[in-house]
C-alpha atoms as a PDB file:
ATOM      1  CA  MET A   1       3.297  26.920 -20.316  1.00  0.00           C
ATOM      2  CA  PHE A   2       1.155  23.861 -19.635  1.00  0.00           C
ATOM      3  CA  ALA A   3       0.835  20.354 -21.027  1.00  0.00           C
ATOM      4  CA  MET A   4      -2.590  18.901 -21.765  1.00  0.00           C
ATOM      5  CA  LYS A   5      -3.237  15.188 -21.984  1.00  0.00           C
ATOM      6  CA  MET A   6      -6.332  14.632 -24.133  1.00  0.00           C
ATOM      7  CA  MET A   7      -8.074  11.258 -24.214  1.00  0.00           C
ATOM      8  CA  ASP A   8     -10.872  10.259 -26.549  1.00  0.00           C
ATOM      9  CA  LYS A   9     -13.630   8.857 -24.342  1.00  0.00           C
ATOM     10  CA  THR A  10     -15.075   6.620 -27.058  1.00  0.00           C
ATOM     11  CA  SER A  11     -11.656   5.117 -27.693  1.00  0.00           C
ATOM     12  CA  LEU A  12     -11.113   4.584 -23.959  1.00  0.00           C
ATOM     13  CA  ALA A  13     -14.479   2.858 -23.621  1.00  0.00           C
ATOM     14  CA  SER A  14     -13.845   0.580 -26.606  1.00  0.00           C
ATOM     15  CA  ARG A  15     -10.546  -0.541 -25.039  1.00  0.00           C
ATOM     16  CA  ASN A  16     -11.992  -0.861 -21.514  1.00  0.00           C
ATOM     17  CA  LYS A  17      -9.691   1.895 -20.255  1.00  0.00           C
ATOM     18  CA  LEU A  18     -12.202   4.320 -18.742  1.00  0.00           C
ATOM     19  CA  LEU A  19     -11.441   3.054 -15.234  1.00  0.00           C
ATOM     20  CA  ARG A  20      -7.699   3.474 -15.815  1.00  0.00           C
ATOM     21  CA  ALA A  21      -8.232   7.064 -16.926  1.00  0.00           C
ATOM     22  CA  GLN A  22     -10.308   7.708 -13.813  1.00  0.00           C
ATOM     23  CA  THR A  23      -7.610   6.135 -11.619  1.00  0.00           C
ATOM     24  CA  GLU A  24      -4.942   8.346 -13.172  1.00  0.00           C
ATOM     25  CA  ARG A  25      -7.026  11.469 -12.558  1.00  0.00           C
ATOM     26  CA  GLU A  26      -7.642  10.507  -8.921  1.00  0.00           C
ATOM     27  CA  ILE A  27      -3.962   9.779  -8.274  1.00  0.00           C
ATOM     28  CA  LEU A  28      -2.857  13.047  -9.877  1.00  0.00           C
ATOM     29  CA  GLY A  29      -5.254  14.860  -7.556  1.00  0.00           C
ATOM     30  CA  LEU A  30      -3.457  13.367  -4.530  1.00  0.00           C
ATOM     31  CA  LEU A  31       0.091  14.342  -5.467  1.00  0.00           C
ATOM     32  CA  ASP A  32       2.152  17.112  -3.891  1.00  0.00           C
ATOM     33  CA  HIS A  33       5.803  16.316  -4.516  1.00  0.00           C
ATOM     34  CA  PRO A  34       8.694  17.988  -6.366  1.00  0.00           C
ATOM     35  CA  PHE A  35       9.299  14.976  -8.618  1.00  0.00           C
ATOM     36  CA  LEU A  36       5.663  14.250  -9.439  1.00  0.00           C
ATOM     37  CA  PRO A  37       3.173  16.192 -11.586  1.00  0.00           C
ATOM     38  CA  SER A  38       0.632  18.689 -10.326  1.00  0.00           C
ATOM     39  CA  LEU A  39      -2.847  18.435 -11.794  1.00  0.00           C
ATOM     40  CA  TYR A  40      -3.843  22.033 -12.482  1.00  0.00           C
ATOM     41  CA  SER A  41      -7.214  21.285 -14.030  1.00  0.00           C
ATOM     42  CA  HIS A  42      -9.421  18.559 -15.423  1.00  0.00           C
ATOM     43  CA  PHE A  43     -12.302  19.119 -17.811  1.00  0.00           C
ATOM     44  CA  GLU A  44     -14.331  17.193 -20.347  1.00  0.00           C
ATOM     45  CA  THR A  45     -15.932  17.908 -23.683  1.00  0.00           C
ATOM     46  CA  GLU A  46     -18.486  15.706 -25.390  1.00  0.00           C
ATOM     47  CA  ARG A  47     -15.662  13.653 -26.880  1.00  0.00           C
ATOM     48  CA  LEU A  48     -12.617  14.260 -24.731  1.00  0.00           C
ATOM     49  CA  SER A  49     -11.299  13.972 -21.198  1.00  0.00           C
ATOM     50  CA  CYS A  50      -8.489  16.485 -20.605  1.00  0.00           C
ATOM     51  CA  LEU A  51      -5.833  16.769 -17.891  1.00  0.00           C
ATOM     52  CA  VAL A  52      -3.854  20.014 -17.577  1.00  0.00           C
ATOM     53  CA  MET A  53      -0.397  19.611 -16.030  1.00  0.00           C
ATOM     54  CA  GLU A  54       3.070  21.113 -15.985  1.00  0.00           C
ATOM     55  CA  PHE A  55       4.930  21.199 -19.295  1.00  0.00           C
ATOM     56  CA  CYS A  56       8.395  19.609 -19.210  1.00  0.00           C
ATOM     57  CA  SER A  57      10.595  21.190 -21.862  1.00  0.00           C
ATOM     58  CA  GLY A  58      13.423  18.652 -21.524  1.00  0.00           C
ATOM     59  CA  GLY A  59      11.546  15.719 -23.022  1.00  0.00           C
ATOM     60  CA  ASN A  60      12.041  12.277 -21.459  1.00  0.00           C
ATOM     61  CA  LEU A  61      15.046  10.282 -20.270  1.00  0.00           C
ATOM     62  CA  HIS A  62      14.777   7.815 -23.143  1.00  0.00           C
ATOM     63  CA  SER A  63      15.333  10.580 -25.690  1.00  0.00           C
ATOM     64  CA  LEU A  64      18.023  12.154 -23.528  1.00  0.00           C
ATOM     65  CA  ARG A  65      19.843   8.809 -23.192  1.00  0.00           C
ATOM     66  CA  GLN A  66      19.880   8.427 -26.966  1.00  0.00           C
ATOM     67  CA  LYS A  67      21.811  11.715 -27.183  1.00  0.00           C
ATOM     68  CA  GLN A  68      24.556  10.584 -24.767  1.00  0.00           C
ATOM     69  CA  PRO A  69      27.940   9.249 -25.922  1.00  0.00           C
ATOM     70  CA  ASP A  70      27.427   5.524 -26.655  1.00  0.00           C
ATOM     71  CA  LYS A  71      23.768   6.092 -25.713  1.00  0.00           C
ATOM     72  CA  HIS A  72      24.173   5.586 -21.983  1.00  0.00           C
ATOM     73  CA  PHE A  73      24.594   7.882 -18.971  1.00  0.00           C
ATOM     74  CA  THR A  74      27.647   8.121 -16.787  1.00  0.00           C
ATOM     75  CA  GLU A  75      27.200   6.434 -13.435  1.00  0.00           C
ATOM     76  CA  LYS A  76      27.211   9.821 -11.701  1.00  0.00           C
ATOM     77  CA  ASN A  77      24.387  11.112 -13.871  1.00  0.00           C
ATOM     78  CA  ALA A  78      22.465   7.849 -13.559  1.00  0.00           C
ATOM     79  CA  ARG A  79      22.712   8.197  -9.771  1.00  0.00           C
ATOM     80  CA  PHE A  80      21.255  11.703  -9.994  1.00  0.00           C
ATOM     81  CA  TYR A  81      18.189  10.549 -11.920  1.00  0.00           C
ATOM     82  CA  ALA A  82      17.757   7.294  -9.980  1.00  0.00           C
ATOM     83  CA  SER A  83      17.821   9.119  -6.629  1.00  0.00           C
ATOM     84  CA  GLN A  84      15.000  11.430  -7.696  1.00  0.00           C
ATOM     85  CA  VAL A  85      12.946   8.565  -9.129  1.00  0.00           C
ATOM     86  CA  LEU A  86      13.473   6.645  -5.882  1.00  0.00           C
ATOM     87  CA  LEU A  87      12.087   9.524  -3.811  1.00  0.00           C
ATOM     88  CA  ALA A  88       9.083   9.829  -6.112  1.00  0.00           C
ATOM     89  CA  ILE A  89       8.286   6.109  -5.783  1.00  0.00           C
ATOM     90  CA  GLU A  90       8.771   6.282  -2.019  1.00  0.00           C
ATOM     91  CA  TYR A  91       6.180   9.050  -1.823  1.00  0.00           C
ATOM     92  CA  LEU A  92       3.739   7.112  -4.003  1.00  0.00           C
ATOM     93  CA  HIS A  93       4.090   4.073  -1.754  1.00  0.00           C
ATOM     94  CA  MET A  94       3.399   6.261   1.274  1.00  0.00           C
ATOM     95  CA  LEU A  95       0.098   7.145  -0.406  1.00  0.00           C
ATOM     96  CA  GLY A  96      -0.663   3.484  -1.085  1.00  0.00           C
ATOM     97  CA  VAL A  97       0.033   3.834  -4.816  1.00  0.00           C
ATOM     98  CA  VAL A  98       2.041   1.209  -6.715  1.00  0.00           C
ATOM     99  CA  TYR A  99       3.346   2.919  -9.866  1.00  0.00           C
ATOM    100  CA  ARG A 100       3.870  -0.152 -12.124  1.00  0.00           C
ATOM    101  CA  ASP A 101       5.040   1.762 -15.201  1.00  0.00           C
ATOM    102  CA  LEU A 102       8.555   3.055 -14.539  1.00  0.00           C
ATOM    103  CA  LYS A 103      10.644   3.377 -17.713  1.00  0.00           C
ATOM    104  CA  PRO A 104      12.796   6.178 -19.165  1.00  0.00           C
ATOM    105  CA  GLU A 105       9.957   7.243 -21.491  1.00  0.00           C
ATOM    106  CA  ASN A 106       7.838   8.087 -18.429  1.00  0.00           C
ATOM    107  CA  VAL A 107      10.537  10.118 -16.655  1.00  0.00           C
ATOM    108  CA  LEU A 108      10.300  13.683 -17.927  1.00  0.00           C
ATOM    109  CA  VAL A 109      12.884  16.439 -17.535  1.00  0.00           C
ATOM    110  CA  ARG A 110      11.637  19.761 -16.218  1.00  0.00           C
ATOM    111  CA  ASP A 111      12.881  23.197 -17.244  1.00  0.00           C
ATOM    112  CA  ASP A 112      15.333  23.186 -14.323  1.00  0.00           C
ATOM    113  CA  GLY A 113      16.763  19.748 -15.192  1.00  0.00           C
ATOM    114  CA  HIS A 114      15.044  17.834 -12.384  1.00  0.00           C
ATOM    115  CA  ILE A 115      12.711  14.948 -13.140  1.00  0.00           C
ATOM    116  CA  MET A 116       8.977  14.367 -13.075  1.00  0.00           C
ATOM    117  CA  LEU A 117       7.299  10.952 -13.286  1.00  0.00           C
ATOM    118  CA  SER A 118       4.363  10.794 -15.677  1.00  0.00           C
ATOM    119  CA  ASP A 119       1.551   8.444 -16.741  1.00  0.00           C
ATOM    120  CA  PHE A 120      -0.379   6.874 -13.870  1.00  0.00           C
ATOM    121  CA  ASP A 121      -3.056   5.005 -15.807  1.00  0.00           C
ATOM    122  CA  LEU A 122      -1.463   1.643 -14.911  1.00  0.00           C
ATOM    123  CA  SER A 123      -1.000   2.503 -11.233  1.00  0.00           C
ATOM    124  CA  LEU A 124      -2.600   0.485  -8.458  1.00  0.00           C
ATOM    125  CA  GLN A 125      -4.306   2.096  -5.465  1.00  0.00           C
ATOM    126  CA  CYS A 126      -4.782   0.439  -2.102  1.00  0.00           C
ATOM    127  CA  SER A 127      -5.803   1.343   1.411  1.00  0.00           C
ATOM    128  CA  PHE A 128      -2.655   1.612   3.459  1.00  0.00           C
ATOM    129  CA  ASN A 129      -1.421   2.863   6.811  1.00  0.00           C
ATOM    130  CA  PRO A 130       2.329   3.539   7.196  1.00  0.00           C
ATOM    131  CA  THR A 131       3.643   2.163  10.474  1.00  0.00           C
ATOM    132  CA  LEU A 132       6.455   3.131  12.830  1.00  0.00           C
ATOM    133  CA  VAL A 133       8.542   0.138  13.910  1.00  0.00           C
ATOM    134  CA  GLU A 134      11.846  -0.331  15.668  1.00  0.00           C
ATOM    135  CA  ALA A 135      14.612  -0.227  13.091  1.00  0.00           C
ATOM    136  CA  SER A 136      16.393  -3.198  14.667  1.00  0.00           C
ATOM    137  CA  SER A 137      13.419  -5.486  14.092  1.00  0.00           C
ATOM    138  CA  VAL A 138      13.172  -4.805  10.378  1.00  0.00           C
ATOM    139  CA  HIS A 139      16.927  -4.811   9.857  1.00  0.00           C
ATOM    140  CA  GLY A 140      16.962  -8.338  11.163  1.00  0.00           C
ATOM    141  CA  GLY A 141      14.263  -9.328   8.715  1.00  0.00           C
ATOM    142  CA  SER A 142      11.951 -10.667  11.423  1.00  0.00           C
ATOM    143  CA  SER A 143       9.672  -7.724  12.036  1.00  0.00           C
ATOM    144  CA  SER A 144       6.265  -8.666  13.343  1.00  0.00           C
ATOM    145  CA  VAL A 145       4.769  -5.424  12.072  1.00  0.00           C
ATOM    146  CA  ARG A 146       2.995  -5.715   8.755  1.00  0.00           C
ATOM    147  CA  THR A 147       1.308  -3.031   6.721  1.00  0.00           C
ATOM    148  CA  GLN A 148      -2.184  -3.652   5.497  1.00  0.00           C
ATOM    149  CA  GLY A 149      -3.214  -3.082   1.918  1.00  0.00           C
ATOM    150  CA  THR A 150      -6.339  -3.956  -0.043  1.00  0.00           C
ATOM    151  CA  LEU A 151      -7.265  -2.961  -3.556  1.00  0.00           C
ATOM    152  CA  ALA A 152      -9.474   0.059  -4.022  1.00  0.00           C
ATOM    153  CA  SER A 153     -11.750  -0.587  -6.979  1.00  0.00           C
ATOM    154  CA  GLU A 154     -12.381   2.995  -8.005  1.00  0.00           C
ATOM    155  CA  THR A 155     -11.242   5.533  -5.453  1.00  0.00           C
ATOM    156  CA  MET A 156      -8.570   5.856  -2.830  1.00  0.00           C
ATOM    157  CA  LEU A 157      -9.956   4.486   0.411  1.00  0.00           C
ATOM    158  CA  GLN A 158     -10.037   6.742   3.429  1.00  0.00           C
ATOM    159  CA  GLY A 159      -7.322   6.481   6.056  1.00  0.00           C
ATOM    160  CA  CYS A 160      -4.308   6.622   3.762  1.00  0.00           C
ATOM    161  CA  MET A 161      -1.502   8.776   5.040  1.00  0.00           C
ATOM    162  CA  GLN A 162      -0.872  11.840   2.907  1.00  0.00           C
ATOM    163  CA  PRO A 163       2.638  13.001   3.791  1.00  0.00           C
ATOM    164  CA  THR A 164       3.427  16.695   3.516  1.00  0.00           C
ATOM    165  CA  ALA A 165       7.155  16.118   2.984  1.00  0.00           C
ATOM    166  CA  PHE A 166       8.955  13.825   0.581  1.00  0.00           C
ATOM    167  CA  LEU A 167      11.439  12.486   3.106  1.00  0.00           C
ATOM    168  CA  PRO A 168      10.874   9.411   5.267  1.00  0.00           C
ATOM    169  CA  ARG A 169      10.994  10.058   8.977  1.00  0.00           C
ATOM    170  CA  ILE A 170      13.546   8.227  11.117  1.00  0.00           C
ATOM    171  CA  LEU A 171      12.871   9.282  14.647  1.00  0.00           C
ATOM    172  CA  PRO A 172      14.735   8.535  17.889  1.00  0.00           C
ATOM    173  CA  LYS A 173      12.589   6.629  20.310  1.00  0.00           C
ATOM    174  CA  LYS A 174      12.488   8.233  23.752  1.00  0.00           C
ATOM    175  CA  THR A 175      12.878   5.463  26.265  1.00  0.00           C
ATOM    176  CA  HIS A 176      14.441   5.068  29.680  1.00  0.00           C
ATOM    177  CA  LYS A 177      17.697   3.162  29.597  1.00  0.00           C
ATOM    178  CA  SER A 178      17.599  -0.242  31.163  1.00  0.00           C
ATOM    179  CA  LYS A 179      20.576  -1.593  33.104  1.00  0.00           C
ATOM    180  CA  LEU A 180      21.677  -3.400  29.954  1.00  0.00           C
ATOM    181  CA  ASP A 181      21.677  -0.136  28.038  1.00  0.00           C
ATOM    182  CA  LEU A 182      23.729   1.842  30.547  1.00  0.00           C
ATOM    183  CA  GLY A 183      27.079   2.867  29.184  1.00  0.00           C
ATOM    184  CA  THR A 184      26.363   1.666  25.661  1.00  0.00           C
ATOM    185  CA  GLY A 185      24.924   4.918  24.412  1.00  0.00           C
ATOM    186  CA  SER A 186      22.593   2.976  22.122  1.00  0.00           C
ATOM    187  CA  ARG A 187      19.071   4.068  21.362  1.00  0.00           C
ATOM    188  CA  ALA A 188      16.310   2.271  19.527  1.00  0.00           C
ATOM    189  CA  LEU A 189      15.261   4.019  16.345  1.00  0.00           C
ATOM    190  CA  LEU A 190      11.763   4.229  15.000  1.00  0.00           C
ATOM    191  CA  GLU A 191      11.639   3.778  11.253  1.00  0.00           C
ATOM    192  CA  LEU A 192       8.695   4.701   9.066  1.00  0.00           C
ATOM    193  CA  MET A 193       7.521   1.612   7.187  1.00  0.00           C
ATOM    194  CA  ALA A 194       5.907   3.116   4.103  1.00  0.00           C
ATOM    195  CA  GLU A 195       5.794   0.002   1.953  1.00  0.00           C
ATOM    196  CA  PRO A 196       2.335  -1.402   1.074  1.00  0.00           C
ATOM    197  CA  THR A 197       3.626  -4.981   1.036  1.00  0.00           C
ATOM    198  CA  ASP A 198       0.168  -6.535   1.273  1.00  0.00           C
ATOM    199  CA  ALA A 199      -1.219  -4.814  -1.831  1.00  0.00           C
ATOM    200  CA  ARG A 200      -2.031  -7.454  -4.426  1.00  0.00           C
ATOM    201  CA  SER A 201      -3.124  -7.507  -8.054  1.00  0.00           C
ATOM    202  CA  THR A 202      -3.133 -10.161 -10.769  1.00  0.00           C
ATOM    203  CA  SER A 203      -3.364  -7.713 -13.681  1.00  0.00           C
ATOM    204  CA  PHE A 204      -0.899  -8.195 -16.534  1.00  0.00           C
ATOM    205  CA  VAL A 205       0.218  -4.584 -16.983  1.00  0.00           C
ATOM    206  CA  GLY A 206       3.428  -2.813 -17.896  1.00  0.00           C
ATOM    207  CA  THR A 207       6.030  -2.643 -20.656  1.00  0.00           C
ATOM    208  CA  HIS A 208       7.426  -6.044 -21.690  1.00  0.00           C
ATOM    209  CA  GLU A 209      11.113  -5.329 -21.014  1.00  0.00           C
ATOM    210  CA  TYR A 210      10.237  -3.914 -17.576  1.00  0.00           C
ATOM    211  CA  LEU A 211       7.731  -6.527 -16.386  1.00  0.00           C
ATOM    212  CA  ALA A 212       8.554  -8.214 -13.085  1.00  0.00           C
ATOM    213  CA  PRO A 213       8.667 -12.044 -13.031  1.00  0.00           C
ATOM    214  CA  GLU A 214       5.719 -12.276 -10.629  1.00  0.00           C
ATOM    215  CA  ILE A 215       3.530 -10.356 -13.096  1.00  0.00           C
ATOM    216  CA  ILE A 216       4.486 -12.694 -15.950  1.00  0.00           C
ATOM    217  CA  ARG A 217       3.927 -15.800 -13.822  1.00  0.00           C
ATOM    218  CA  GLY A 218       0.544 -14.514 -12.671  1.00  0.00           C
ATOM    219  CA  ASP A 219       1.491 -15.022  -9.028  1.00  0.00           C
ATOM    220  CA  GLY A 220      -0.112 -11.791  -7.901  1.00  0.00           C
ATOM    221  CA  HIS A 221       2.071  -8.761  -7.308  1.00  0.00           C
ATOM    222  CA  GLY A 222       2.440  -5.762  -5.032  1.00  0.00           C
ATOM    223  CA  SER A 223       4.747  -2.826  -4.432  1.00  0.00           C
ATOM    224  CA  ALA A 224       7.914  -4.893  -5.024  1.00  0.00           C
ATOM    225  CA  VAL A 225       7.285  -4.599  -8.777  1.00  0.00           C
ATOM    226  CA  ASP A 226       8.335  -0.946  -8.521  1.00  0.00           C
ATOM    227  CA  TRP A 227      11.731  -1.976  -7.145  1.00  0.00           C
ATOM    228  CA  TRP A 228      12.162  -4.481  -9.981  1.00  0.00           C
ATOM    229  CA  THR A 229      11.428  -1.747 -12.533  1.00  0.00           C
ATOM    230  CA  LEU A 230      13.865   0.557 -10.719  1.00  0.00           C
ATOM    231  CA  GLY A 231      16.533  -2.105 -11.285  1.00  0.00           C
ATOM    232  CA  ILE A 232      15.729  -2.352 -15.004  1.00  0.00           C
ATOM    233  CA  PHE A 233      15.661   1.455 -15.180  1.00  0.00           C
ATOM    234  CA  LEU A 234      19.090   1.834 -13.567  1.00  0.00           C
ATOM    235  CA  TYR A 235      20.531  -0.946 -15.752  1.00  0.00           C
ATOM    236  CA  GLU A 236      19.283   0.808 -18.882  1.00  0.00           C
ATOM    237  CA  LEU A 237      20.676   4.176 -17.792  1.00  0.00           C
ATOM    238  CA  VAL A 238      24.216   2.857 -17.266  1.00  0.00           C
ATOM    239  CA  TYR A 239      24.363   0.182 -19.997  1.00  0.00           C
ATOM    240  CA  GLY A 240      22.115   1.683 -22.666  1.00  0.00           C
ATOM    241  CA  THR A 241      19.895  -1.402 -22.943  1.00  0.00           C
ATOM    242  CA  THR A 242      17.632  -3.532 -20.773  1.00  0.00           C
ATOM    243  CA  PRO A 243      19.022  -6.808 -19.340  1.00  0.00           C
ATOM    244  CA  PHE A 244      16.465  -9.344 -20.591  1.00  0.00           C
ATOM    245  CA  LYS A 245      15.560  -8.037 -24.043  1.00  0.00           C
ATOM    246  CA  GLY A 246      14.901 -10.869 -26.490  1.00  0.00           C
ATOM    247  CA  SER A 247      14.235 -11.117 -30.206  1.00  0.00           C
ATOM    248  CA  GLY A 248      10.563 -10.392 -29.561  1.00  0.00           C
ATOM    249  CA  ASN A 249       8.108  -9.825 -26.726  1.00  0.00           C
ATOM    250  CA  ARG A 250       7.615 -13.549 -26.056  1.00  0.00           C
ATOM    251  CA  ALA A 251      11.364 -14.179 -25.889  1.00  0.00           C
ATOM    252  CA  THR A 252      11.757 -11.193 -23.573  1.00  0.00           C
ATOM    253  CA  LEU A 253       9.186 -12.606 -21.150  1.00  0.00           C
ATOM    254  CA  PHE A 254      10.903 -16.009 -21.151  1.00  0.00           C
ATOM    255  CA  ASN A 255      14.239 -14.307 -20.443  1.00  0.00           C
ATOM    256  CA  ILE A 256      12.837 -12.318 -17.522  1.00  0.00           C
ATOM    257  CA  VAL A 257      11.499 -15.439 -15.827  1.00  0.00           C
ATOM    258  CA  GLY A 258      14.257 -17.915 -16.649  1.00  0.00           C
ATOM    259  CA  GLN A 259      17.470 -16.171 -17.682  1.00  0.00           C
ATOM    260  CA  PRO A 260      20.034 -15.179 -15.030  1.00  0.00           C
ATOM    261  CA  LEU A 261      21.066 -11.542 -14.811  1.00  0.00           C
ATOM    262  CA  MET A 262      24.233 -10.803 -16.793  1.00  0.00           C
ATOM    263  CA  PHE A 263      26.382  -7.665 -16.928  1.00  0.00           C
ATOM    264  CA  PRO A 264      28.267  -6.599 -20.085  1.00  0.00           C
ATOM    265  CA  GLU A 265      32.010  -6.036 -19.828  1.00  0.00           C
ATOM    266  CA  ALA A 266      31.590  -2.532 -21.227  1.00  0.00           C
ATOM    267  CA  PRO A 267      30.953   0.104 -20.169  1.00  0.00           C
ATOM    268  CA  ALA A 268      32.765  -0.201 -16.856  1.00  0.00           C
ATOM    269  CA  VAL A 269      30.261   0.000 -14.003  1.00  0.00           C
ATOM    270  CA  SER A 270      31.123   0.054 -10.303  1.00  0.00           C
ATOM    271  CA  VAL A 271      30.702  -2.922  -8.003  1.00  0.00           C
ATOM    272  CA  SER A 272      28.171  -0.987  -5.911  1.00  0.00           C
ATOM    273  CA  ALA A 273      26.006  -0.182  -8.941  1.00  0.00           C
ATOM    274  CA  ARG A 274      26.005  -3.804 -10.073  1.00  0.00           C
ATOM    275  CA  ASP A 275      25.259  -4.970  -6.545  1.00  0.00           C
ATOM    276  CA  LEU A 276      22.253  -2.652  -6.266  1.00  0.00           C
ATOM    277  CA  ILE A 277      20.940  -3.718  -9.670  1.00  0.00           C
ATOM    278  CA  ARG A 278      21.387  -7.364  -8.658  1.00  0.00           C
ATOM    279  CA  GLY A 279      19.455  -6.759  -5.436  1.00  0.00           C
ATOM    280  CA  LEU A 280      16.628  -4.996  -7.252  1.00  0.00           C
ATOM    281  CA  LEU A 281      16.423  -7.686  -9.932  1.00  0.00           C
ATOM    282  CA  GLU A 282      15.904 -10.627  -7.589  1.00  0.00           C
ATOM    283  CA  LYS A 283      13.328 -12.788  -9.362  1.00  0.00           C
ATOM    284  CA  GLU A 284      11.598 -13.703  -6.090  1.00  0.00           C
ATOM    285  CA  PRO A 285      10.006 -10.515  -4.718  1.00  0.00           C
ATOM    286  CA  GLU A 286      10.480 -11.586  -1.084  1.00  0.00           C
ATOM    287  CA  LYS A 287      14.270 -11.543  -1.620  1.00  0.00           C
ATOM    288  CA  ARG A 288      14.281  -8.221  -3.458  1.00  0.00           C
ATOM    289  CA  ILE A 289      15.908  -5.219  -1.816  1.00  0.00           C
ATOM    290  CA  GLY A 290      13.176  -2.862  -0.671  1.00  0.00           C
ATOM    291  CA  TYR A 291      10.591  -5.617  -0.257  1.00  0.00           C
ATOM    292  CA  ARG A 292      10.054  -4.995   3.464  1.00  0.00           C
ATOM    293  CA  ARG A 293      11.748  -1.703   4.275  1.00  0.00           C
ATOM    294  CA  GLY A 294      11.019   0.003   0.996  1.00  0.00           C
ATOM    295  CA  ALA A 295      12.989   3.017  -0.176  1.00  0.00           C
ATOM    296  CA  THR A 296      14.703   3.391   3.204  1.00  0.00           C
ATOM    297  CA  GLU A 297      16.664   0.189   2.592  1.00  0.00           C
ATOM    298  CA  ILE A 298      17.558   1.161  -0.969  1.00  0.00           C
ATOM    299  CA  LYS A 299      18.727   4.640   0.030  1.00  0.00           C
ATOM    300  CA  GLN A 300      21.169   3.073   2.473  1.00  0.00           C
ATOM    301  CA  HIS A 301      22.856   1.040  -0.279  1.00  0.00           C
ATOM    302  CA  PRO A 302      26.514   1.992  -0.994  1.00  0.00           C
ATOM    303  CA  PHE A 303      25.596   3.039  -4.543  1.00  0.00           C
ATOM    304  CA  PHE A 304      23.933   6.107  -3.032  1.00  0.00           C
ATOM    305  CA  ASP A 305      26.803   6.976  -0.679  1.00  0.00           C
ATOM    306  CA  GLY A 306      27.331  10.713  -0.793  1.00  0.00           C
ATOM    307  CA  VAL A 307      23.734  11.521  -1.721  1.00  0.00           C
ATOM    308  CA  ASN A 308      22.279  14.082   0.675  1.00  0.00           C
ATOM    309  CA  TRP A 309      18.660  12.974   0.649  1.00  0.00           C
ATOM    310  CA  ALA A 310      17.480  16.148   2.341  1.00  0.00           C
ATOM    311  CA  LEU A 311      18.995  18.250  -0.448  1.00  0.00           C
ATOM    312  CA  VAL A 312      18.381  16.133  -3.546  1.00  0.00           C
ATOM    313  CA  ARG A 313      16.192  18.878  -4.971  1.00  0.00           C
ATOM    314  CA  SER A 314      19.152  21.286  -4.680  1.00  0.00           C
ATOM    315  CA  ALA A 315      21.649  19.059  -6.516  1.00  0.00           C
ATOM    316  CA  THR A 316      22.972  20.402  -9.820  1.00  0.00           C
ATOM    317  CA  PRO A 317      21.322  18.568 -12.741  1.00  0.00           C
ATOM    318  CA  PRO A 318      23.591  17.045 -15.407  1.00  0.00           C
ATOM    319  CA  TYR A 319      21.426  18.537 -18.149  1.00  0.00           C
ATOM    320  CA  ILE A 320      19.309  21.692 -18.308  1.00  0.00           C
ATOM    321  CA  PRO A 321      17.023  22.095 -21.343  1.00  0.00           C
ATOM    322  CA  GLU A 322      17.255  25.076 -23.648  1.00  0.00           C
ATOM    323  CA  PRO A 323      14.497  27.655 -23.039  1.00  0.00           C
ATOM    324  CA  ILE A 324      11.411  27.140 -25.181  1.00  0.00           C
ATOM    325  CA  ASP A 325      10.704  29.863 -27.736  1.00  0.00           C
ATOM    326  CA  VAL A 326       6.941  30.250 -27.303  1.00  0.00           C
ATOM    327  CA  ARG A 327       6.639  32.556 -30.321  1.00  0.00           C
ATOM    328  CA  ARG A 328       8.254  29.950 -32.575  1.00  0.00           C
ATOM    329  CA  LEU A 329       5.914  27.251 -31.292  1.00  0.00           C
ATOM    330  CA  ALA A 330       2.895  29.481 -31.905  1.00  0.00           C
ATOM    331  CA  HIS A 331       4.069  30.150 -35.461  1.00  0.00           C
ATOM    332  CA  GLU A 332       4.622  26.433 -36.157  1.00  0.00           C
ATOM    333  CA  GLU A 333       1.185  25.610 -34.755  1.00  0.00           C
ATOM    334  CA  ALA A 334      -0.432  28.218 -37.012  1.00  0.00           C
ATOM    335  CA  VAL A 335       1.377  26.777 -40.040  1.00  0.00           C
ATOM    336  CA  ASP A 336       0.283  23.252 -39.120  1.00  0.00           C
ATOM    337  CA  LYS A 337      -3.353  24.316 -38.786  1.00  0.00           C
ATOM    338  CA  GLY A 338      -3.178  25.962 -42.192  1.00  0.00           C
ATOM    339  CA  LYS A 339      -1.892  22.736 -43.737  1.00  0.00           C
ATOM    340  CA  LYS A 340      -4.766  20.799 -42.153  1.00  0.00           C
ATOM    341  CA  GLY A 341      -7.324  23.088 -43.771  1.00  0.00           C
ATOM    342  CA  GLY A 342      -8.528  24.740 -40.590  1.00  0.00           C
ATOM    343  CA  ALA A 343      -9.647  21.655 -38.689  1.00  0.00           C
ATOM    344  CA  SER A 344     -11.863  22.165 -35.659  1.00  0.00           C
ATOM    345  CA  ASP A 345     -10.439  21.911 -32.159  1.00  0.00           C
ATOM    346  CA  ASP A 346     -11.919  18.450 -31.645  1.00  0.00           C
ATOM    347  CA  ASP A 347     -10.570  17.234 -34.981  1.00  0.00           C
ATOM    348  CA  SER A 348      -7.018  18.208 -34.049  1.00  0.00           C
ATOM    349  CA  PHE A 349      -7.041  16.487 -30.645  1.00  0.00           C
ATOM    350  CA  GLN A 350      -4.895  13.379 -30.341  1.00  0.00           C
ATOM    351  CA  ASP A 351      -5.482  10.437 -28.043  1.00  0.00           C
ATOM    352  CA  PHE A 352      -2.394   9.959 -25.873  1.00  0.00           C
END
């Protein structure tokens, strides 16, 4: 079974979204990752642009959260979903893609209970070359190595690394021991810096409750916005609400920029979870966890202690969807078409 995203080209043009649709199609064509969608086909009719992808029978995490007791996940289950989202974002950053639209509605649940990120029309592409640096230099926060990123107006620029695996590489550096090293047994480690820190955009894009402060202020933003949204995402999973939600969109934006982060007394959430959320929700992107070392730094946080990153795909999901009865869906579709008076294929298409 497949899912088809159908977009009305006239509607896209009237809303100046043709370029976003093209960007989404190009990004989908790059992806090869267990927690990201595969683009099986793309075709166009006179009116429509269509993307054929994997169908996720489990719906999205927003709907699933609403079904939980008190409408929030346990910390264990939140860790499961956050770890898979983190790996997906890490892979996107390795490709020079800043996601910019993380929220539970865009995290789908596959048939096997594992997740798939969706919707890349707000994503930002840049030219980017991941770099190997000594781990000690970046741990100290004074690394002289910087990744280069510039905006690509329409297509992904050549030279971007396309990783074949979804794990970052941490490799031992083969060096001869100096006299100072003798007897210490220490070795310098090479760490893959896959964070396009120099990517910049001034676009005001995203969902209000998830917008990073730098987007609202118009400072220009880069990949650190994905770590901010990861913090909002994790907060919502464990608390059942977002941290800066106001009475309306304008109040929400004011809260994001000016209100300090607060944690409710209930439900009880661990110190490590709150510490990670606090680090992700630093209002200044340069102070945000993941700003320089990306997902590698976040994966080493105590909240993820016990997660085997090499075997995340083999972890038992907290929820597995019921099998879809294709015959029932076909019957319901036939009934719906009858009620519509036999509308043509184009007439029944919906703009996502």
